[in-house]
């Protein structure tokens, strides 16, 4: 079973937390799920089931139905899988649940319908970076993003793993080749600094927003 992961470390506390995603079967819940698990040396810290399914996955997978943050040795963390990060509500839900770090795990390919001659010109490559930076900046959190590399079938995967600061700036990245994006950051200090003047979560106006309709 193929998997890919985001590893989060804080040098000052010598902690190691890893979020890993894969596809698995669940007899209890019925159906095939896209899931992620966050682990440390002490065991499982949290789980997430992919909530948002693109058109090609709706018939094959069962969607999750919630976003929950959980405590880890490196801070309170929430996970997103692939298409989840396209929707601002996903990351916002985790931030409102206290997440200081978002771990985004993806198998995100280049554009299938409008192929570009170079990766840097690819529409999906631009969107992948845009979503990562936007979700971090909107919620003033640290975001660690991993992605599959190489090719499978007719798809070529972007790579572009990265660490994004709470101001939306990319602190480390891998581009299109396999590797690790490594950045040393004091999560609490950086989020506090980002929120020193403007505090996006506190300054929301929910009473003015249109309610979602199904």
N, C-alpha and C. Protein backbone atom coordinates (compact mmCIF):
# COMPACT_ATOMS: atom_id res chain seq x y z
N UNK A 1 0.86 -1.19 0.00
CA UNK A 1 0.00 0.00 0.00
C UNK A 1 0.89 1.23 0.00
N UNK A 2 0.79 2.04 -1.06
CA UNK A 2 1.62 3.23 -1.17
C UNK A 2 1.16 4.29 -0.18
N UNK A 3 2.11 5.04 0.33
CA UNK A 3 1.76 6.13 1.23
C UNK A 3 2.79 7.23 1.10
N UNK A 4 2.45 8.41 1.57
CA UNK A 4 3.38 9.53 1.56
C UNK A 4 3.07 10.33 2.80
N UNK A 5 4.05 11.05 3.31
CA UNK A 5 3.86 11.60 4.64
C UNK A 5 4.42 13.00 4.78
N UNK A 6 3.94 13.67 5.81
CA UNK A 6 4.47 14.95 6.27
C UNK A 6 5.08 14.72 7.64
N UNK A 7 6.33 15.10 7.80
CA UNK A 7 7.01 14.95 9.08
C UNK A 7 7.20 16.33 9.68
N UNK A 8 6.81 16.48 10.93
CA UNK A 8 6.90 17.77 11.62
C UNK A 8 7.78 17.61 12.84
N UNK A 9 8.81 18.43 12.94
CA UNK A 9 9.71 18.37 14.08
C UNK A 9 9.87 19.76 14.69
N UNK A 10 10.07 19.81 15.98
CA UNK A 10 10.48 21.05 16.63
C UNK A 10 11.82 20.79 17.28
N UNK A 11 12.83 21.49 16.81
CA UNK A 11 14.20 21.21 17.26
C UNK A 11 14.36 21.45 18.76
N UNK A 12 13.69 22.48 19.28
CA UNK A 12 13.89 22.84 20.67
C UNK A 12 13.39 21.76 21.63
N UNK A 13 12.36 21.02 21.22
CA UNK A 13 11.80 20.00 22.09
C UNK A 13 12.12 18.59 21.62
N UNK A 14 12.85 18.48 20.50
CA UNK A 14 13.25 17.19 19.96
C UNK A 14 12.07 16.23 19.83
N UNK A 15 10.97 16.77 19.29
CA UNK A 15 9.78 15.96 19.09
C UNK A 15 9.67 15.58 17.62
N UNK A 16 9.08 14.45 17.36
CA UNK A 16 8.91 13.96 15.99
C UNK A 16 7.46 13.50 15.84
N UNK A 17 6.73 14.14 14.93
CA UNK A 17 5.35 13.77 14.67
C UNK A 17 5.22 13.54 13.17
N UNK A 18 4.57 12.47 12.79
CA UNK A 18 4.43 12.15 11.37
C UNK A 18 2.97 11.91 11.03
N UNK A 19 2.53 12.56 9.95
CA UNK A 19 1.19 12.34 9.42
C UNK A 19 1.31 11.57 8.12
N UNK A 20 0.59 10.48 8.02
CA UNK A 20 0.71 9.62 6.85
C UNK A 20 -0.65 9.27 6.31
N UNK A 21 -0.77 9.27 4.98
CA UNK A 21 -2.06 9.00 4.36
C UNK A 21 -1.98 7.82 3.41
N UNK A 22 -3.06 7.11 3.29
CA UNK A 22 -3.15 6.00 2.35
C UNK A 22 -4.61 5.64 2.15
N UNK A 23 -4.87 4.78 1.19
CA UNK A 23 -6.22 4.29 0.96
C UNK A 23 -6.37 2.94 1.64
N UNK A 24 -7.47 2.75 2.32
CA UNK A 24 -7.64 1.50 3.03
C UNK A 24 -9.12 1.09 3.03
N UNK A 25 -9.38 -0.14 3.37
CA UNK A 25 -10.75 -0.66 3.44
C UNK A 25 -11.24 -0.63 4.88
N UNK A 26 -12.51 -0.35 5.07
CA UNK A 26 -13.09 -0.36 6.40
C UNK A 26 -14.40 -1.13 6.37
N UNK A 27 -14.43 -2.30 6.96
CA UNK A 27 -15.66 -3.09 7.01
C UNK A 27 -16.68 -2.48 7.96
N UNK A 28 -16.18 -1.82 9.03
CA UNK A 28 -17.09 -1.28 10.04
C UNK A 28 -17.89 -0.11 9.49
N UNK A 29 -17.23 0.76 8.74
CA UNK A 29 -17.90 1.95 8.23
C UNK A 29 -18.52 1.68 6.86
N UNK A 30 -18.10 0.62 6.22
CA UNK A 30 -18.70 0.26 4.95
C UNK A 30 -18.19 1.09 3.81
N UNK A 31 -17.33 0.54 3.00
CA UNK A 31 -16.83 1.28 1.86
C UNK A 31 -15.35 1.56 1.94
N UNK A 32 -14.85 2.10 0.87
CA UNK A 32 -13.44 2.41 0.74
C UNK A 32 -13.21 3.86 1.13
N UNK A 33 -12.23 4.09 1.97
CA UNK A 33 -12.01 5.42 2.53
C UNK A 33 -10.63 5.94 2.18
N UNK A 34 -10.53 7.26 2.03
CA UNK A 34 -9.23 7.91 1.98
C UNK A 34 -8.95 8.44 3.37
N UNK A 35 -7.91 7.96 4.01
CA UNK A 35 -7.67 8.33 5.40
C UNK A 35 -6.25 8.72 5.68
N UNK A 36 -6.06 9.46 6.77
CA UNK A 36 -4.74 9.85 7.24
C UNK A 36 -4.65 9.58 8.73
N UNK A 37 -3.47 9.25 9.18
CA UNK A 37 -3.24 9.02 10.61
C UNK A 37 -1.99 9.79 11.02
N UNK A 38 -2.02 10.39 12.18
CA UNK A 38 -0.88 11.12 12.72
C UNK A 38 -0.31 10.32 13.88
N UNK A 39 0.98 10.04 13.84
CA UNK A 39 1.60 9.20 14.85
C UNK A 39 2.86 9.84 15.40
N UNK A 40 3.24 9.42 16.59
CA UNK A 40 4.52 9.74 17.19
C UNK A 40 5.05 8.44 17.79
N UNK A 41 6.16 8.51 18.51
CA UNK A 41 6.69 7.32 19.15
C UNK A 41 5.78 6.77 20.22
N UNK A 42 4.81 7.57 20.65
CA UNK A 42 3.86 7.13 21.68
C UNK A 42 2.61 6.49 21.11
N UNK A 43 2.48 6.48 19.78
CA UNK A 43 1.31 5.87 19.18
C UNK A 43 0.51 6.84 18.31
N UNK A 44 -0.75 6.53 18.07
CA UNK A 44 -1.62 7.32 17.21
C UNK A 44 -2.13 8.55 17.96
N UNK A 45 -1.96 9.72 17.34
CA UNK A 45 -2.39 10.97 17.96
C UNK A 45 -3.72 11.46 17.39
N UNK A 46 -3.97 11.17 16.13
CA UNK A 46 -5.20 11.63 15.51
C UNK A 46 -5.41 11.00 14.15
N UNK A 47 -6.66 11.10 13.66
CA UNK A 47 -7.03 10.53 12.37
C UNK A 47 -7.89 11.52 11.59
N UNK A 48 -7.90 11.34 10.28
CA UNK A 48 -8.78 12.16 9.44
C UNK A 48 -9.23 11.33 8.25
N UNK A 49 -10.50 11.44 7.90
CA UNK A 49 -11.05 10.84 6.69
C UNK A 49 -11.32 11.94 5.68
N UNK A 50 -10.88 11.74 4.46
CA UNK A 50 -11.05 12.74 3.40
C UNK A 50 -12.52 13.08 3.23
N UNK A 51 -12.83 14.37 3.33
CA UNK A 51 -14.22 14.82 3.29
C UNK A 51 -14.67 15.16 1.87
N UNK A 52 -13.84 15.90 1.14
CA UNK A 52 -14.22 16.37 -0.19
C UNK A 52 -13.69 15.42 -1.26
N UNK A 53 -14.61 14.87 -2.05
CA UNK A 53 -14.24 13.91 -3.09
C UNK A 53 -14.46 14.54 -4.46
N UNK A 54 -13.43 14.59 -5.30
CA UNK A 54 -13.63 15.08 -6.67
C UNK A 54 -14.47 14.09 -7.47
N UNK A 55 -14.91 14.52 -8.64
CA UNK A 55 -15.85 13.73 -9.43
C UNK A 55 -15.38 12.30 -9.68
N UNK A 56 -14.10 12.13 -9.91
CA UNK A 56 -13.57 10.80 -10.23
C UNK A 56 -13.53 9.85 -9.05
N UNK A 57 -13.76 10.36 -7.82
CA UNK A 57 -13.68 9.51 -6.63
C UNK A 57 -15.02 9.24 -5.96
N UNK A 58 -16.04 9.97 -6.35
CA UNK A 58 -17.33 9.89 -5.66
C UNK A 58 -17.90 8.47 -5.68
N UNK A 59 -17.78 7.80 -6.83
CA UNK A 59 -18.35 6.47 -6.97
C UNK A 59 -17.51 5.39 -6.30
N UNK A 60 -16.24 5.71 -6.01
CA UNK A 60 -15.33 4.68 -5.51
C UNK A 60 -15.06 4.78 -4.01
N UNK A 61 -15.27 5.95 -3.40
CA UNK A 61 -14.90 6.15 -2.01
C UNK A 61 -16.08 6.67 -1.19
N UNK A 62 -16.00 6.45 0.10
CA UNK A 62 -16.95 7.01 1.05
C UNK A 62 -16.33 8.24 1.70
N UNK A 63 -17.03 9.36 1.69
CA UNK A 63 -16.48 10.61 2.21
C UNK A 63 -16.54 10.65 3.73
N UNK A 64 -15.57 11.35 4.32
CA UNK A 64 -15.63 11.66 5.74
C UNK A 64 -16.64 12.77 5.97
N UNK A 65 -16.87 13.13 7.23
CA UNK A 65 -17.92 14.11 7.51
C UNK A 65 -17.54 15.13 8.57
N UNK A 66 -16.24 15.26 8.90
CA UNK A 66 -15.88 16.23 9.93
C UNK A 66 -14.39 16.55 9.87
N UNK A 67 -14.06 17.70 10.46
CA UNK A 67 -12.67 18.14 10.61
C UNK A 67 -12.41 18.38 12.09
N UNK A 68 -11.47 17.64 12.66
CA UNK A 68 -11.15 17.76 14.07
C UNK A 68 -9.66 17.96 14.26
N UNK A 69 -9.29 18.94 15.07
CA UNK A 69 -7.89 19.12 15.45
C UNK A 69 -7.61 18.29 16.69
N UNK A 70 -6.33 18.04 16.96
CA UNK A 70 -5.95 17.23 18.12
C UNK A 70 -4.59 17.70 18.62
N UNK A 71 -4.32 17.41 19.87
CA UNK A 71 -3.06 17.85 20.49
C UNK A 71 -1.93 16.89 20.14
N UNK A 72 -0.74 17.47 19.86
CA UNK A 72 0.48 16.71 19.59
C UNK A 72 1.62 17.37 20.34
N UNK A 73 2.77 16.70 20.43
CA UNK A 73 3.93 17.31 21.10
C UNK A 73 4.44 18.59 20.44
N UNK A 74 4.09 18.82 19.16
CA UNK A 74 4.57 20.03 18.47
C UNK A 74 3.50 21.12 18.38
N UNK A 75 2.35 20.88 18.96
CA UNK A 75 1.27 21.85 18.92
C UNK A 75 -0.03 21.20 18.47
N UNK A 76 -1.11 21.94 18.54
CA UNK A 76 -2.41 21.40 18.11
C UNK A 76 -2.44 21.34 16.59
N UNK A 77 -2.86 20.21 16.04
CA UNK A 77 -2.69 19.94 14.62
C UNK A 77 -3.98 19.45 14.00
N UNK A 78 -4.18 19.80 12.73
CA UNK A 78 -5.31 19.29 11.96
C UNK A 78 -4.80 18.81 10.61
N UNK A 79 -5.51 17.85 10.01
CA UNK A 79 -5.07 17.26 8.75
C UNK A 79 -6.09 17.48 7.64
N UNK A 80 -5.57 17.66 6.43
CA UNK A 80 -6.37 17.76 5.22
C UNK A 80 -5.81 16.77 4.21
N UNK A 81 -6.67 16.16 3.43
CA UNK A 81 -6.22 15.24 2.39
C UNK A 81 -6.62 15.79 1.03
N UNK A 82 -5.62 16.09 0.22
CA UNK A 82 -5.79 16.35 -1.20
C UNK A 82 -6.84 17.44 -1.45
N UNK A 83 -7.98 17.06 -2.03
CA UNK A 83 -9.01 18.01 -2.46
C UNK A 83 -9.61 18.80 -1.31
N UNK A 84 -9.45 18.32 -0.07
CA UNK A 84 -9.96 19.06 1.09
C UNK A 84 -9.47 20.50 1.10
N UNK A 85 -8.19 20.71 0.72
CA UNK A 85 -7.63 22.06 0.87
C UNK A 85 -8.11 23.05 -0.18
N UNK A 86 -8.85 22.55 -1.18
CA UNK A 86 -9.45 23.45 -2.16
C UNK A 86 -10.52 24.33 -1.52
N UNK A 87 -11.09 23.86 -0.43
CA UNK A 87 -12.23 24.54 0.20
C UNK A 87 -11.77 25.28 1.46
N UNK A 88 -11.90 26.61 1.49
CA UNK A 88 -11.45 27.38 2.66
C UNK A 88 -12.08 26.93 3.97
N UNK A 89 -13.30 26.43 3.90
CA UNK A 89 -14.00 26.01 5.12
C UNK A 89 -13.28 24.86 5.83
N UNK A 90 -12.56 24.05 5.08
CA UNK A 90 -11.86 22.90 5.68
C UNK A 90 -10.81 23.38 6.67
N UNK A 91 -9.90 24.22 6.19
CA UNK A 91 -8.84 24.73 7.06
C UNK A 91 -9.40 25.64 8.15
N UNK A 92 -10.42 26.42 7.83
CA UNK A 92 -11.01 27.31 8.83
C UNK A 92 -11.64 26.52 9.96
N UNK A 93 -12.29 25.41 9.64
CA UNK A 93 -12.88 24.57 10.68
C UNK A 93 -11.81 24.07 11.65
N UNK A 94 -10.67 23.67 11.11
CA UNK A 94 -9.58 23.18 11.96
C UNK A 94 -8.99 24.31 12.79
N UNK A 95 -8.81 25.48 12.17
CA UNK A 95 -8.27 26.62 12.91
C UNK A 95 -9.20 27.03 14.05
N UNK A 96 -10.50 27.00 13.82
CA UNK A 96 -11.47 27.33 14.86
C UNK A 96 -11.47 26.29 15.97
N UNK A 97 -10.99 25.09 15.65
CA UNK A 97 -10.86 24.04 16.66
C UNK A 97 -9.49 24.10 17.34
N UNK A 98 -8.76 25.18 17.09
CA UNK A 98 -7.51 25.42 17.79
C UNK A 98 -6.26 24.95 17.09
N UNK A 99 -6.36 24.48 15.85
CA UNK A 99 -5.16 24.00 15.15
C UNK A 99 -4.17 25.13 14.93
N UNK A 100 -2.92 24.88 15.29
CA UNK A 100 -1.82 25.81 15.02
C UNK A 100 -1.03 25.37 13.80
N UNK A 101 -1.16 24.09 13.45
CA UNK A 101 -0.46 23.49 12.33
C UNK A 101 -1.46 22.73 11.48
N UNK A 102 -1.36 22.88 10.16
CA UNK A 102 -2.14 22.08 9.24
C UNK A 102 -1.20 21.17 8.47
N UNK A 103 -1.48 19.90 8.46
CA UNK A 103 -0.72 18.93 7.67
C UNK A 103 -1.59 18.54 6.48
N UNK A 104 -1.13 18.89 5.28
CA UNK A 104 -1.89 18.64 4.05
C UNK A 104 -1.18 17.55 3.25
N UNK A 105 -1.84 16.44 3.03
CA UNK A 105 -1.24 15.28 2.36
C UNK A 105 -1.98 15.04 1.05
N UNK A 106 -1.22 14.97 -0.04
CA UNK A 106 -1.86 14.94 -1.35
C UNK A 106 -1.23 13.95 -2.31
N UNK A 107 -2.04 13.57 -3.31
CA UNK A 107 -1.55 12.91 -4.53
C UNK A 107 -2.10 13.77 -5.67
N UNK A 108 -1.46 14.92 -5.86
CA UNK A 108 -1.99 15.98 -6.73
C UNK A 108 -1.24 15.97 -8.05
N UNK A 109 -1.93 15.67 -9.16
CA UNK A 109 -1.25 15.59 -10.45
C UNK A 109 -1.22 16.92 -11.19
N UNK A 110 -0.43 16.95 -12.25
CA UNK A 110 -0.47 18.08 -13.17
C UNK A 110 -1.82 18.06 -13.89
N UNK A 111 -2.10 19.13 -14.58
CA UNK A 111 -3.38 19.23 -15.28
C UNK A 111 -3.52 18.12 -16.32
N UNK A 112 -4.64 17.45 -16.30
CA UNK A 112 -4.90 16.37 -17.25
C UNK A 112 -5.53 16.91 -18.52
N UNK A 113 -6.32 17.96 -18.41
CA UNK A 113 -7.06 18.49 -19.56
C UNK A 113 -6.33 19.60 -20.31
N UNK A 114 -5.35 20.22 -19.67
CA UNK A 114 -4.64 21.34 -20.30
C UNK A 114 -3.15 21.25 -19.96
N UNK A 115 -2.48 20.29 -20.55
CA UNK A 115 -1.08 20.03 -20.21
C UNK A 115 -0.18 21.18 -20.65
N UNK A 116 0.75 21.53 -19.78
CA UNK A 116 1.70 22.60 -20.07
C UNK A 116 3.06 21.98 -20.42
N UNK A 117 3.87 22.67 -21.24
CA UNK A 117 5.16 22.12 -21.61
C UNK A 117 6.14 22.04 -20.45
N UNK A 118 5.96 22.92 -19.45
CA UNK A 118 6.84 22.93 -18.29
C UNK A 118 6.00 22.91 -17.02
N UNK A 119 6.54 22.25 -15.98
CA UNK A 119 5.82 22.13 -14.71
C UNK A 119 5.46 23.50 -14.14
N UNK A 120 6.38 24.46 -14.24
CA UNK A 120 6.14 25.78 -13.67
C UNK A 120 4.97 26.50 -14.34
N UNK A 121 4.61 26.09 -15.55
CA UNK A 121 3.51 26.73 -16.26
C UNK A 121 2.19 25.98 -16.09
N UNK A 122 2.23 24.90 -15.36
CA UNK A 122 1.04 24.06 -15.22
C UNK A 122 0.00 24.72 -14.32
N UNK A 123 -1.25 24.67 -14.74
CA UNK A 123 -2.33 25.29 -13.97
C UNK A 123 -2.46 24.67 -12.59
N UNK A 124 -2.39 23.35 -12.50
CA UNK A 124 -2.53 22.70 -11.21
C UNK A 124 -1.35 22.97 -10.29
N UNK A 125 -0.17 23.16 -10.85
CA UNK A 125 0.99 23.52 -10.03
C UNK A 125 0.78 24.88 -9.37
N UNK A 126 0.25 25.82 -10.13
CA UNK A 126 -0.02 27.15 -9.57
C UNK A 126 -1.12 27.07 -8.49
N UNK A 127 -2.16 26.30 -8.75
CA UNK A 127 -3.24 26.18 -7.77
C UNK A 127 -2.76 25.50 -6.50
N UNK A 128 -1.94 24.47 -6.65
CA UNK A 128 -1.43 23.74 -5.49
C UNK A 128 -0.70 24.69 -4.54
N UNK A 129 0.18 25.53 -5.08
CA UNK A 129 0.90 26.51 -4.26
C UNK A 129 -0.06 27.56 -3.70
N UNK A 130 -1.00 28.02 -4.52
CA UNK A 130 -1.94 29.05 -4.10
C UNK A 130 -2.78 28.57 -2.91
N UNK A 131 -3.29 27.35 -2.98
CA UNK A 131 -4.10 26.82 -1.89
C UNK A 131 -3.27 26.69 -0.61
N UNK A 132 -2.05 26.18 -0.73
CA UNK A 132 -1.21 26.03 0.46
C UNK A 132 -0.96 27.38 1.13
N UNK A 133 -0.59 28.37 0.35
CA UNK A 133 -0.27 29.69 0.92
C UNK A 133 -1.53 30.39 1.43
N UNK A 134 -2.62 30.26 0.70
CA UNK A 134 -3.86 30.92 1.13
C UNK A 134 -4.39 30.33 2.43
N UNK A 135 -4.43 29.00 2.54
CA UNK A 135 -4.95 28.38 3.75
C UNK A 135 -4.12 28.75 4.97
N UNK A 136 -2.80 28.87 4.80
CA UNK A 136 -1.95 29.28 5.92
C UNK A 136 -2.22 30.73 6.30
N UNK A 137 -2.24 31.63 5.30
CA UNK A 137 -2.38 33.06 5.57
C UNK A 137 -3.77 33.40 6.09
N UNK A 138 -4.81 32.78 5.54
CA UNK A 138 -6.18 33.07 5.98
C UNK A 138 -6.36 32.80 7.47
N UNK A 139 -5.74 31.72 7.92
CA UNK A 139 -5.95 31.28 9.30
C UNK A 139 -4.78 31.58 10.21
N UNK A 140 -3.71 32.14 9.64
CA UNK A 140 -2.50 32.51 10.40
C UNK A 140 -1.96 31.31 11.17
N UNK A 141 -1.74 30.23 10.42
CA UNK A 141 -1.21 28.99 10.98
C UNK A 141 -0.02 28.53 10.15
N UNK A 142 0.73 27.58 10.69
CA UNK A 142 1.81 26.94 9.94
C UNK A 142 1.20 25.78 9.15
N UNK A 143 1.61 25.65 7.90
CA UNK A 143 1.08 24.58 7.05
C UNK A 143 2.24 23.76 6.48
N UNK A 144 2.16 22.45 6.66
CA UNK A 144 3.14 21.52 6.09
C UNK A 144 2.43 20.71 5.02
N UNK A 145 2.91 20.80 3.78
CA UNK A 145 2.23 20.17 2.66
C UNK A 145 3.14 19.14 2.00
N UNK A 146 2.64 17.91 1.84
CA UNK A 146 3.39 16.88 1.12
C UNK A 146 2.60 16.48 -0.12
N UNK A 147 3.30 15.93 -1.12
CA UNK A 147 2.63 15.51 -2.33
C UNK A 147 3.42 14.41 -3.00
N UNK A 148 2.72 13.55 -3.69
CA UNK A 148 3.35 12.46 -4.43
C UNK A 148 4.18 13.01 -5.58
N UNK A 149 5.24 12.29 -5.96
CA UNK A 149 6.06 12.65 -7.10
C UNK A 149 6.06 11.51 -8.11
N UNK A 150 6.64 11.76 -9.28
CA UNK A 150 6.74 10.72 -10.29
C UNK A 150 5.47 10.60 -11.12
N UNK A 151 5.33 9.46 -11.80
CA UNK A 151 4.20 9.24 -12.69
C UNK A 151 3.53 7.90 -12.40
N UNK A 152 2.23 7.85 -12.65
CA UNK A 152 1.49 6.60 -12.49
C UNK A 152 0.37 6.60 -13.51
N UNK A 153 0.32 5.58 -14.34
CA UNK A 153 -0.67 5.58 -15.40
C UNK A 153 -0.43 6.76 -16.32
N UNK A 154 -1.46 7.52 -16.56
CA UNK A 154 -1.32 8.69 -17.41
C UNK A 154 -1.13 9.97 -16.63
N UNK A 155 -0.90 9.85 -15.32
CA UNK A 155 -0.78 11.04 -14.49
C UNK A 155 0.66 11.29 -14.06
N UNK A 156 1.03 12.55 -14.04
CA UNK A 156 2.33 12.99 -13.52
C UNK A 156 2.07 13.84 -12.30
N UNK A 157 2.74 13.51 -11.19
CA UNK A 157 2.46 14.20 -9.94
C UNK A 157 3.43 15.34 -9.70
N UNK A 158 2.94 16.38 -9.03
CA UNK A 158 3.64 17.65 -8.93
C UNK A 158 4.83 17.66 -7.98
N UNK A 159 4.76 16.89 -6.90
CA UNK A 159 5.74 17.12 -5.83
C UNK A 159 5.39 18.42 -5.13
N UNK A 160 6.34 19.35 -5.08
CA UNK A 160 6.12 20.67 -4.49
C UNK A 160 5.75 20.63 -3.01
N UNK A 161 6.35 19.71 -2.28
CA UNK A 161 6.18 19.71 -0.82
C UNK A 161 6.72 21.02 -0.27
N UNK A 162 6.14 21.48 0.82
CA UNK A 162 6.58 22.78 1.32
C UNK A 162 6.15 22.98 2.77
N UNK A 163 6.80 23.95 3.41
CA UNK A 163 6.39 24.46 4.71
C UNK A 163 6.03 25.92 4.52
N UNK A 164 4.85 26.32 4.95
CA UNK A 164 4.37 27.69 4.79
C UNK A 164 4.16 28.31 6.16
N UNK A 165 4.66 29.52 6.34
CA UNK A 165 4.49 30.22 7.60
C UNK A 165 3.11 30.84 7.73
N UNK A 166 2.75 31.32 8.91
CA UNK A 166 1.41 31.87 9.14
C UNK A 166 1.13 33.17 8.40
N UNK A 167 2.15 33.73 7.75
CA UNK A 167 1.93 34.90 6.91
C UNK A 167 1.77 34.54 5.45
N UNK A 168 1.81 33.23 5.14
CA UNK A 168 1.66 32.79 3.77
C UNK A 168 2.96 32.67 3.00
N UNK A 169 4.08 32.91 3.66
CA UNK A 169 5.38 32.82 2.99
C UNK A 169 5.89 31.39 3.02
N UNK A 170 6.47 30.95 1.90
CA UNK A 170 7.02 29.60 1.80
C UNK A 170 8.40 29.59 2.46
N UNK A 171 8.56 28.77 3.48
CA UNK A 171 9.80 28.73 4.25
C UNK A 171 10.76 27.67 3.73
N UNK A 172 10.23 26.63 3.10
CA UNK A 172 11.06 25.57 2.53
C UNK A 172 10.21 24.82 1.52
N UNK A 173 10.86 24.28 0.46
CA UNK A 173 10.11 23.54 -0.54
C UNK A 173 11.01 22.57 -1.29
N UNK A 174 10.41 21.62 -1.99
CA UNK A 174 11.18 20.61 -2.71
C UNK A 174 11.10 20.75 -4.22
N UNK A 175 10.23 21.59 -4.75
CA UNK A 175 9.95 21.65 -6.18
C UNK A 175 9.39 20.32 -6.65
N UNK A 176 9.76 19.84 -7.83
CA UNK A 176 9.07 18.68 -8.41
C UNK A 176 9.71 17.33 -8.08
N UNK A 177 10.90 17.32 -7.50
CA UNK A 177 11.58 16.07 -7.22
C UNK A 177 11.30 15.61 -5.79
N UNK A 178 11.46 14.31 -5.57
CA UNK A 178 11.26 13.75 -4.24
C UNK A 178 12.28 14.34 -3.27
N UNK A 179 11.88 14.55 -2.04
CA UNK A 179 12.79 15.10 -1.04
C UNK A 179 12.02 15.57 0.18
N UNK A 180 12.71 16.23 1.09
CA UNK A 180 12.11 16.76 2.31
C UNK A 180 12.20 18.28 2.31
N UNK A 181 11.09 18.92 2.61
CA UNK A 181 11.09 20.37 2.83
C UNK A 181 11.27 20.59 4.33
N UNK A 182 12.38 21.18 4.73
CA UNK A 182 12.73 21.29 6.15
C UNK A 182 12.82 22.76 6.55
N UNK A 183 12.09 23.14 7.58
CA UNK A 183 12.16 24.50 8.12
C UNK A 183 12.08 24.41 9.64
N UNK A 184 12.95 25.10 10.33
CA UNK A 184 12.89 25.17 11.78
C UNK A 184 12.06 26.40 12.16
N UNK A 185 11.03 26.17 12.94
CA UNK A 185 10.11 27.25 13.27
C UNK A 185 9.54 27.03 14.66
N UNK A 186 9.46 28.10 15.42
CA UNK A 186 8.78 28.08 16.72
C UNK A 186 7.31 28.39 16.44
N UNK A 187 6.49 27.36 16.42
CA UNK A 187 5.11 27.49 15.97
C UNK A 187 4.34 28.53 16.79
N UNK A 188 4.43 28.44 18.10
CA UNK A 188 3.69 29.36 18.96
C UNK A 188 4.14 30.80 18.76
N UNK A 189 5.46 30.99 18.68
CA UNK A 189 5.99 32.35 18.52
C UNK A 189 5.60 32.95 17.17
N UNK A 190 5.65 32.14 16.11
CA UNK A 190 5.34 32.65 14.78
C UNK A 190 3.85 32.95 14.62
N UNK A 191 3.00 32.11 15.17
CA UNK A 191 1.57 32.39 15.08
C UNK A 191 1.21 33.62 15.92
N UNK A 192 1.84 33.76 17.07
CA UNK A 192 1.59 34.95 17.89
C UNK A 192 2.05 36.21 17.17
N UNK A 193 3.18 36.12 16.50
CA UNK A 193 3.70 37.28 15.76
C UNK A 193 2.76 37.65 14.62
N UNK A 194 2.25 36.64 13.91
CA UNK A 194 1.35 36.90 12.79
C UNK A 194 0.05 37.53 13.26
N UNK A 195 -0.37 37.20 14.49
CA UNK A 195 -1.65 37.67 15.01
C UNK A 195 -1.50 38.88 15.95
N UNK A 196 -0.34 39.48 15.95
CA UNK A 196 -0.07 40.57 16.89
C UNK A 196 -1.00 41.76 16.65
N UNK A 197 -1.25 42.10 15.38
CA UNK A 197 -2.09 43.25 15.05
C UNK A 197 -3.45 42.79 14.51
N UNK A 198 -3.41 41.94 13.50
CA UNK A 198 -4.64 41.43 12.90
C UNK A 198 -4.84 39.99 13.33
N UNK A 199 -6.01 39.71 13.88
CA UNK A 199 -6.33 38.36 14.34
C UNK A 199 -7.56 37.88 13.56
N UNK A 200 -7.30 37.18 12.47
CA UNK A 200 -8.36 36.84 11.53
C UNK A 200 -9.50 36.06 12.18
N UNK A 201 -9.16 35.11 13.02
CA UNK A 201 -10.22 34.28 13.61
C UNK A 201 -11.11 35.09 14.55
N UNK A 202 -10.51 36.02 15.29
CA UNK A 202 -11.27 36.82 16.25
C UNK A 202 -12.08 37.92 15.56
N UNK A 203 -11.63 38.34 14.39
CA UNK A 203 -12.25 39.48 13.71
C UNK A 203 -13.26 39.08 12.65
N UNK A 204 -13.62 37.82 12.62
CA UNK A 204 -14.66 37.37 11.70
C UNK A 204 -16.00 37.99 12.07
N UNK A 205 -16.92 38.03 11.09
CA UNK A 205 -18.28 38.51 11.31
C UNK A 205 -19.29 37.46 10.82
N UNK A 206 -19.43 36.38 11.56
CA UNK A 206 -20.31 35.29 11.12
C UNK A 206 -21.75 35.74 10.86
N UNK A 207 -22.20 36.77 11.57
CA UNK A 207 -23.57 37.24 11.39
C UNK A 207 -23.80 37.85 10.01
N UNK A 208 -22.70 38.25 9.34
CA UNK A 208 -22.82 38.88 8.02
C UNK A 208 -22.64 37.89 6.88
N UNK A 209 -22.24 36.67 7.18
CA UNK A 209 -21.94 35.69 6.12
C UNK A 209 -23.20 34.93 5.73
N UNK A 210 -23.28 34.61 4.48
CA UNK A 210 -24.40 33.82 3.98
C UNK A 210 -24.26 32.39 4.48
N UNK A 211 -25.32 31.84 5.01
CA UNK A 211 -25.31 30.48 5.49
C UNK A 211 -25.25 29.52 4.31
N UNK A 212 -24.53 28.40 4.50
CA UNK A 212 -24.45 27.41 3.42
C UNK A 212 -25.80 26.75 3.24
N UNK A 213 -26.09 26.42 2.01
CA UNK A 213 -27.35 25.76 1.69
C UNK A 213 -27.06 24.48 0.94
N UNK A 214 -27.69 23.39 1.33
CA UNK A 214 -27.49 22.11 0.67
C UNK A 214 -28.59 21.87 -0.35
